[in-house]
């Protein structure tokens, strides 16, 4: 799944858990899926941030600006 697809799925899970009356098993499954996706997204964001930092480094090793 691409980053945007994962983010959309996480939003969908969040909406389902807020708006629908789920049973305990369904709630736990949704929570587990959501947490798995959230951790994957966090890892991907860390990688993206490092890539941007590398791209903004000057030849002297200084950063043009911090990425936040």
Protein backbone atom coordinates (compact mmCIF):
# COMPACT_ATOMS: atom_id res chain seq x y z
CA UNK A 1 0.00 0.00 0.00
CA UNK A 2 1.23 3.50 -0.78
CA UNK A 3 1.59 6.13 1.94
CA UNK A 4 -1.59 7.95 0.93
CA UNK A 5 -3.56 4.70 0.83
CA UNK A 6 -2.37 3.79 4.32
CA UNK A 7 -3.30 7.23 5.61
CA UNK A 8 -6.76 6.95 4.05
CA UNK A 9 -7.25 3.49 5.57
CA UNK A 10 -6.20 4.78 9.00
CA UNK A 11 -8.72 7.62 8.71
CA UNK A 12 -11.39 5.12 7.64
CA UNK A 13 -10.67 2.89 10.65
CA UNK A 14 -10.79 5.88 12.97
CA UNK A 15 -14.14 6.95 11.55
CA UNK A 16 -15.58 3.44 11.85
CA UNK A 17 -14.47 3.14 15.47
CA UNK A 18 -15.99 6.52 16.36
CA UNK A 19 -19.28 6.22 14.50
CA UNK A 20 -20.21 2.56 14.44
CA UNK A 21 -21.25 0.27 17.22
CA UNK A 22 -18.66 -2.47 16.96
CA UNK A 23 -18.45 -5.61 18.98
CA UNK A 24 -15.43 -6.28 21.15
CA UNK A 25 -13.72 -8.53 18.59
CA UNK A 26 -14.29 -6.05 15.75
CA UNK A 27 -13.06 -3.18 17.91
CA UNK A 28 -9.87 -5.02 18.80
CA UNK A 29 -9.24 -6.03 15.19
CA UNK A 30 -9.79 -2.46 14.02
CA UNK A 31 -7.50 -1.12 16.76
CA UNK A 32 -4.76 -3.62 15.88
CA UNK A 33 -4.99 -2.79 12.17
CA UNK A 34 -4.96 0.93 12.91
CA UNK A 35 -1.91 0.67 15.18
CA UNK A 36 -0.04 -1.42 12.61
CA UNK A 37 -0.73 1.16 9.91
CA UNK A 38 0.14 4.06 12.24
CA UNK A 39 3.53 2.50 13.03
CA UNK A 40 4.22 1.90 9.33
CA UNK A 41 3.35 5.52 8.57
CA UNK A 42 5.61 6.76 11.36
CA UNK A 43 8.53 4.74 9.98
CA UNK A 44 7.90 6.05 6.47
CA UNK A 45 7.74 9.65 7.72
CA UNK A 46 11.09 9.19 9.48
CA UNK A 47 12.61 7.95 6.23
CA UNK A 48 11.09 10.85 4.28
CA UNK A 49 12.42 13.33 6.83
CA UNK A 50 15.95 11.90 6.55
CA UNK A 51 15.77 12.09 2.76
CA UNK A 52 14.74 15.75 2.91
CA UNK A 53 17.56 16.50 5.37
CA UNK A 54 20.07 14.93 3.00
CA UNK A 55 18.70 16.93 0.08
CA UNK A 56 19.00 20.20 2.02
CA UNK A 57 22.61 19.69 3.14
CA UNK A 58 25.25 21.97 1.68
CA UNK A 59 28.57 20.56 0.42
CA UNK A 60 30.10 21.62 3.75
CA UNK A 61 27.60 19.41 5.59
CA UNK A 62 25.52 22.28 6.95
CA UNK A 63 21.77 22.17 6.65
CA UNK A 64 20.11 24.88 4.61
CA UNK A 65 17.14 24.67 6.93
CA UNK A 66 15.63 22.16 9.32
CA UNK A 67 12.74 20.10 8.03
CA UNK A 68 9.75 20.04 10.36
